[in-house]
Amino acid sequence: MRDTLGSEGIAGVAVVLIAVGILTVHDPVVGAGVAVLLAGLALIAKGIADSTMRAFGLK
């Protein structure tokens, strides 16, 4: 995983997970909503990356 994301990427994932954890401790419904939102954004980003790679003939 470190080869793919690098140190900054791993730190960013850790910060996001800590932030969602803090929100969930404060209000579980809001924390769950933010987690679902982030999962949706990740799926959108993966779709865009896949289509871009296909457009360049890399996949």
N, C-alpha and C. Protein backbone atom coordinates (compact mmCIF):
# COMPACT_ATOMS: atom_id res chain seq x y z
N MET A 1 0.83 -1.19 0.00
CA MET A 1 0.00 0.00 0.00
C MET A 1 0.87 1.25 0.00
N ARG A 2 2.02 1.15 0.63
CA ARG A 2 2.89 2.32 0.69
C ARG A 2 3.42 2.69 -0.69
N ASP A 3 3.63 1.69 -1.55
CA ASP A 3 4.10 1.96 -2.90
C ASP A 3 3.07 2.74 -3.71
N THR A 4 1.79 2.44 -3.47
CA THR A 4 0.72 3.08 -4.23
C THR A 4 0.43 4.49 -3.73
N LEU A 5 0.27 4.64 -2.41
CA LEU A 5 -0.15 5.93 -1.86
C LEU A 5 1.01 6.83 -1.45
N GLY A 6 2.09 6.25 -0.99
CA GLY A 6 3.17 7.06 -0.47
C GLY A 6 2.88 7.47 0.97
N SER A 7 3.84 8.11 1.59
CA SER A 7 3.70 8.51 2.99
C SER A 7 2.57 9.53 3.19
N GLU A 8 2.48 10.49 2.28
CA GLU A 8 1.45 11.52 2.40
C GLU A 8 0.06 10.93 2.24
N GLY A 9 -0.08 9.99 1.32
CA GLY A 9 -1.37 9.35 1.10
C GLY A 9 -1.83 8.55 2.30
N ILE A 10 -0.92 7.82 2.91
CA ILE A 10 -1.25 7.05 4.11
C ILE A 10 -1.62 7.99 5.25
N ALA A 11 -0.88 9.08 5.40
CA ALA A 11 -1.20 10.06 6.44
C ALA A 11 -2.58 10.68 6.17
N GLY A 12 -2.89 10.94 4.92
CA GLY A 12 -4.20 11.50 4.58
C GLY A 12 -5.33 10.54 4.90
N VAL A 13 -5.15 9.26 4.60
CA VAL A 13 -6.17 8.26 4.93
C VAL A 13 -6.35 8.18 6.44
N ALA A 14 -5.24 8.23 7.18
CA ALA A 14 -5.32 8.18 8.64
C ALA A 14 -6.07 9.39 9.20
N VAL A 15 -5.81 10.57 8.65
CA VAL A 15 -6.50 11.79 9.11
C VAL A 15 -8.00 11.70 8.83
N VAL A 16 -8.35 11.20 7.65
CA VAL A 16 -9.77 11.07 7.31
C VAL A 16 -10.45 10.07 8.25
N LEU A 17 -9.80 8.94 8.51
CA LEU A 17 -10.39 7.95 9.41
C LEU A 17 -10.52 8.48 10.83
N ILE A 18 -9.54 9.23 11.30
CA ILE A 18 -9.62 9.84 12.63
C ILE A 18 -10.77 10.85 12.68
N ALA A 19 -10.91 11.64 11.63
CA ALA A 19 -11.99 12.64 11.60
C ALA A 19 -13.36 11.97 11.62
N VAL A 20 -13.53 10.91 10.84
CA VAL A 20 -14.81 10.18 10.84
C VAL A 20 -15.04 9.55 12.21
N GLY A 21 -13.98 9.04 12.84
CA GLY A 21 -14.11 8.47 14.17
C GLY A 21 -14.54 9.49 15.19
N ILE A 22 -13.99 10.69 15.13
CA ILE A 22 -14.38 11.76 16.06
C ILE A 22 -15.84 12.14 15.84
N LEU A 23 -16.24 12.26 14.59
CA LEU A 23 -17.64 12.57 14.29
C LEU A 23 -18.57 11.47 14.79
N THR A 24 -18.17 10.24 14.63
CA THR A 24 -19.01 9.12 15.03
C THR A 24 -19.15 9.07 16.55
N VAL A 25 -18.10 9.39 17.28
CA VAL A 25 -18.19 9.43 18.74
C VAL A 25 -19.15 10.54 19.17
N HIS A 26 -19.08 11.67 18.49
CA HIS A 26 -19.94 12.80 18.84
C HIS A 26 -21.39 12.55 18.46
N ASP A 27 -21.62 12.08 17.23
CA ASP A 27 -22.98 11.82 16.75
C ASP A 27 -22.91 10.66 15.74
N PRO A 28 -23.34 9.47 16.15
CA PRO A 28 -23.21 8.29 15.27
C PRO A 28 -23.91 8.42 13.92
N VAL A 29 -25.04 9.09 13.87
CA VAL A 29 -25.77 9.22 12.60
C VAL A 29 -24.98 10.10 11.63
N VAL A 30 -24.45 11.19 12.12
CA VAL A 30 -23.65 12.08 11.27
C VAL A 30 -22.37 11.37 10.83
N GLY A 31 -21.74 10.64 11.74
CA GLY A 31 -20.54 9.90 11.38
C GLY A 31 -20.79 8.87 10.30
N ALA A 32 -21.91 8.16 10.42
CA ALA A 32 -22.26 7.17 9.39
C ALA A 32 -22.53 7.85 8.05
N GLY A 33 -23.20 8.98 8.09
CA GLY A 33 -23.48 9.72 6.85
C GLY A 33 -22.20 10.19 6.17
N VAL A 34 -21.27 10.69 6.95
CA VAL A 34 -19.99 11.14 6.39
C VAL A 34 -19.21 9.96 5.82
N ALA A 35 -19.25 8.81 6.51
CA ALA A 35 -18.55 7.62 6.01
C ALA A 35 -19.13 7.17 4.67
N VAL A 36 -20.45 7.17 4.56
CA VAL A 36 -21.09 6.80 3.29
C VAL A 36 -20.75 7.81 2.19
N LEU A 37 -20.74 9.08 2.54
CA LEU A 37 -20.37 10.13 1.59
C LEU A 37 -18.95 9.92 1.07
N LEU A 38 -18.01 9.65 1.97
CA LEU A 38 -16.63 9.43 1.56
C LEU A 38 -16.48 8.18 0.70
N ALA A 39 -17.23 7.13 1.02
CA ALA A 39 -17.19 5.92 0.21
C ALA A 39 -17.71 6.21 -1.20
N GLY A 40 -18.77 6.98 -1.31
CA GLY A 40 -19.31 7.35 -2.61
C GLY A 40 -18.32 8.18 -3.42
N LEU A 41 -17.66 9.13 -2.76
CA LEU A 41 -16.67 9.94 -3.46
C LEU A 41 -15.49 9.10 -3.93
N ALA A 42 -15.10 8.11 -3.13
CA ALA A 42 -14.01 7.22 -3.53
C ALA A 42 -14.41 6.40 -4.76
N LEU A 43 -15.65 5.93 -4.80
CA LEU A 43 -16.11 5.18 -5.97
C LEU A 43 -16.16 6.05 -7.23
N ILE A 44 -16.57 7.29 -7.07
CA ILE A 44 -16.59 8.22 -8.19
C ILE A 44 -15.17 8.46 -8.70
N ALA A 45 -14.24 8.70 -7.78
CA ALA A 45 -12.85 8.95 -8.17
C ALA A 45 -12.25 7.73 -8.87
N LYS A 46 -12.56 6.53 -8.40
CA LYS A 46 -12.06 5.31 -9.04
C LYS A 46 -12.64 5.18 -10.45
N GLY A 47 -13.91 5.48 -10.61
CA GLY A 47 -14.52 5.42 -11.93
C GLY A 47 -13.89 6.40 -12.90
N ILE A 48 -13.64 7.60 -12.44
CA ILE A 48 -13.00 8.61 -13.28
C ILE A 48 -11.59 8.19 -13.66
N ALA A 49 -10.85 7.67 -12.68
CA ALA A 49 -9.48 7.22 -12.95
C ALA A 49 -9.47 6.07 -13.94
N ASP A 50 -10.39 5.12 -13.78
CA ASP A 50 -10.45 3.99 -14.72
C ASP A 50 -10.79 4.44 -16.13
N SER A 51 -11.75 5.34 -16.26
CA SER A 51 -12.13 5.79 -17.60
C SER A 51 -11.02 6.62 -18.25
N THR A 52 -10.30 7.38 -17.45
CA THR A 52 -9.18 8.15 -17.98
C THR A 52 -8.06 7.22 -18.45
N MET A 53 -7.79 6.18 -17.65
CA MET A 53 -6.74 5.24 -18.05
C MET A 53 -7.13 4.50 -19.32
N ARG A 54 -8.42 4.14 -19.46
CA ARG A 54 -8.88 3.49 -20.69
C ARG A 54 -8.76 4.43 -21.88
N ALA A 55 -9.02 5.72 -21.67
CA ALA A 55 -8.94 6.68 -22.77
C ALA A 55 -7.50 6.81 -23.28
N PHE A 56 -6.54 6.63 -22.40
CA PHE A 56 -5.14 6.71 -22.80
C PHE A 56 -4.57 5.35 -23.20
N GLY A 57 -5.42 4.32 -23.15
CA GLY A 57 -5.01 2.99 -23.55
C GLY A 57 -4.14 2.28 -22.53
N LEU A 58 -4.25 2.66 -21.28
CA LEU A 58 -3.42 2.07 -20.25
C LEU A 58 -4.09 0.90 -19.53
N LYS A 59 -5.33 0.63 -19.87
CA LYS A 59 -6.04 -0.45 -19.19
C LYS A 59 -6.81 -1.28 -20.17
